[in-house]
Amino acid sequence: MKKLLVLFSLCAVILSCEFVTSDNGDLDGFWQLRSLDSLSNGHSADMRRNGVYWGIQVDLLEARTEGTDVFFRFSHDGDSLLLSTPFLNDRDSGDIAVTDANILRPLGINRLDERFHVLELDGSTMILQSAELRLYFRKY
């Protein structure tokens, strides 16, 4: 009887919790920006030592490098990835809305609302292309 009561209580707790799940598929995870190409002049830059990482889960994308940590809302639909509503992560003062796109440039993002075309996305590689850049990521 006691085991049945414990099992019943456990089921009630589980059913009362709200689980947030993600249907982002291969997009979810932790990505390192390895390189980027400028579409205007064809130059490439090795970004491995710059420490640019994107973390993606549910509907939140965190893009960070040393000194810059920005959260975005995003939507992913087929071969389109739209980043919007950037906020600087400042745990001491509260998050601060980004109003200057220049803050985002070290992260491979040139606009406050940036649209990427998803050229490749699988369990280990992501290639995104904006109007100005092509970004190459590897998954951690």
Protein backbone atom coordinates (compact mmCIF):
# COMPACT_ATOMS: atom_id res chain seq x y z
CA MET A 1 0.00 0.00 0.00
CA LYS A 2 2.83 2.40 0.89
CA LYS A 3 4.57 1.72 -2.44
CA LEU A 4 1.34 2.40 -4.29
CA LEU A 5 0.89 5.71 -2.46
CA VAL A 6 4.48 6.77 -3.29
CA LEU A 7 4.01 5.81 -6.94
CA PHE A 8 0.70 7.67 -7.14
CA SER A 9 2.26 10.78 -5.53
CA LEU A 10 5.20 10.66 -7.94
CA CYS A 11 2.84 10.45 -10.94
CA ALA A 12 0.85 13.42 -9.66
CA VAL A 13 4.02 15.52 -9.31
CA ILE A 14 5.23 14.58 -12.80
CA LEU A 15 1.87 15.40 -14.38
CA SER A 16 1.69 18.76 -12.61
CA CYS A 17 5.07 19.90 -14.00
CA GLU A 18 5.20 21.81 -17.25
CA PHE A 19 7.91 20.53 -19.55
CA VAL A 20 9.33 22.84 -22.17
CA THR A 21 10.52 20.88 -25.15
CA SER A 22 12.22 21.92 -28.33
CA ASP A 23 11.56 20.78 -31.85
CA ASN A 24 14.65 22.46 -33.33
CA GLY A 25 16.24 19.16 -34.34
CA ASP A 26 19.93 19.47 -35.23
CA LEU A 27 19.88 23.23 -34.57
CA ASP A 28 19.77 22.78 -30.79
CA GLY A 29 23.13 22.65 -29.07
CA PHE A 30 26.42 24.45 -28.60
CA TRP A 31 28.16 25.70 -31.75
CA GLN A 32 31.65 27.13 -32.34
CA LEU A 33 32.15 29.66 -35.14
CA ARG A 34 35.12 28.22 -37.06
CA SER A 35 35.36 30.63 -39.99
CA LEU A 36 33.48 33.23 -41.96
CA ASP A 37 33.52 34.47 -45.53
CA SER A 38 32.77 38.00 -46.68
CA LEU A 39 30.38 37.78 -49.62
CA SER A 40 31.32 41.27 -50.83
CA ASN A 41 35.07 40.73 -51.26
CA GLY A 42 35.55 36.95 -51.00
CA HIS A 43 37.91 37.15 -48.02
CA SER A 44 37.80 34.47 -45.34
CA ALA A 45 38.66 34.73 -41.67
CA ASP A 46 39.68 31.92 -39.34
CA MET A 47 37.54 32.48 -36.22
CA ARG A 48 38.66 29.51 -34.10
CA ARG A 49 40.85 31.63 -31.82
CA ASN A 50 38.20 34.35 -31.42
CA GLY A 51 36.11 32.14 -29.13
CA VAL A 52 32.72 32.85 -30.71
CA TYR A 53 30.07 30.37 -29.55
CA TRP A 54 26.35 30.13 -30.12
CA GLY A 55 24.13 28.14 -27.77
CA ILE A 56 20.65 27.30 -29.05
CA GLN A 57 17.74 25.84 -27.13
CA VAL A 58 13.94 26.10 -27.44
CA ASP A 59 13.49 29.68 -28.80
CA LEU A 60 16.56 31.34 -27.30
CA LEU A 61 19.98 31.79 -28.91
CA GLU A 62 22.97 32.94 -26.86
CA ALA A 63 25.91 34.30 -28.88
CA ARG A 64 29.06 34.96 -26.91
CA THR A 65 32.70 35.81 -27.16
CA GLU A 66 35.06 37.25 -24.59
CA GLY A 67 33.46 40.47 -23.34
CA THR A 68 30.20 40.08 -25.27
CA ASP A 69 27.26 37.87 -24.34
CA VAL A 70 23.99 38.48 -26.20
CA PHE A 71 20.65 36.66 -26.10
CA PHE A 72 18.32 36.59 -29.10
CA ARG A 73 14.87 35.27 -29.77
CA PHE A 74 14.89 33.25 -32.95
CA SER A 75 12.65 31.40 -35.31
CA HIS A 76 13.81 28.53 -37.48
CA ASP A 77 11.63 27.51 -40.38
CA GLY A 78 13.10 25.14 -42.95
CA ASP A 79 16.14 26.85 -44.46
CA SER A 80 15.55 30.20 -42.73
CA LEU A 81 16.86 31.34 -39.34
CA LEU A 82 15.73 34.75 -38.08
CA LEU A 83 17.40 36.34 -35.03
CA SER A 84 15.60 39.19 -33.27
CA THR A 85 15.29 41.12 -30.01
CA PRO A 86 18.95 41.09 -28.90
CA PHE A 87 19.74 41.73 -25.22
CA LEU A 88 23.16 42.05 -23.62
CA ASN A 89 23.50 39.62 -20.77
CA ASP A 90 24.31 41.70 -17.68
CA ARG A 91 23.55 39.66 -14.57
CA ASP A 92 24.45 42.55 -12.24
CA SER A 93 22.37 45.31 -13.86
CA GLY A 94 19.73 43.30 -15.69
CA ASP A 95 19.59 42.56 -19.38
CA ILE A 96 20.05 45.57 -21.66
CA ALA A 97 18.37 45.90 -25.08
CA VAL A 98 20.92 46.16 -27.89
CA THR A 99 20.28 49.23 -30.05
CA ASP A 100 23.63 49.37 -31.90
CA ALA A 101 24.31 46.54 -34.37
CA ASN A 102 28.08 47.19 -34.13
CA ILE A 103 28.04 45.36 -30.78
CA LEU A 104 26.94 42.22 -32.63
CA ARG A 105 29.58 42.23 -35.39
CA PRO A 106 32.22 40.21 -33.44
CA LEU A 107 29.58 37.47 -33.16
CA GLY A 108 29.06 37.20 -36.95
CA ILE A 109 25.81 39.19 -36.82
CA ASN A 110 25.44 42.51 -38.62
CA ARG A 111 21.85 43.53 -37.91
CA LEU A 112 19.55 43.77 -34.90
CA ASP A 113 17.10 41.55 -36.83
CA GLU A 114 19.33 39.22 -38.86
CA ARG A 115 18.04 36.65 -41.32
CA PHE A 116 20.22 33.69 -42.26
CA HIS A 117 19.75 31.16 -45.00
CA VAL A 118 20.59 27.70 -43.62
CA LEU A 119 22.90 26.16 -46.22
CA GLU A 120 23.81 23.08 -44.19
CA LEU A 121 22.66 21.73 -40.84
CA ASP A 122 23.36 18.31 -39.39
CA GLY A 123 24.57 16.84 -36.12
CA SER A 124 28.08 18.28 -36.49
CA THR A 125 28.06 21.14 -39.04
CA MET A 126 26.07 24.31 -39.57
CA ILE A 127 26.63 26.77 -42.42
CA LEU A 128 24.60 29.99 -42.39
CA GLN A 129 24.54 32.81 -44.91
CA SER A 130 23.34 36.35 -44.30
CA ALA A 131 23.31 39.21 -46.81
CA GLU A 132 27.01 39.91 -46.06
CA LEU A 133 28.56 36.80 -44.52
CA ARG A 134 28.75 33.03 -44.70
CA LEU A 135 29.36 31.48 -41.25
CA TYR A 136 30.82 27.99 -40.66
CA PHE A 137 30.13 26.31 -37.32
CA ARG A 138 30.95 23.00 -35.71
CA LYS A 139 28.87 21.45 -32.98
CA TYR A 140 30.33 20.70 -29.57
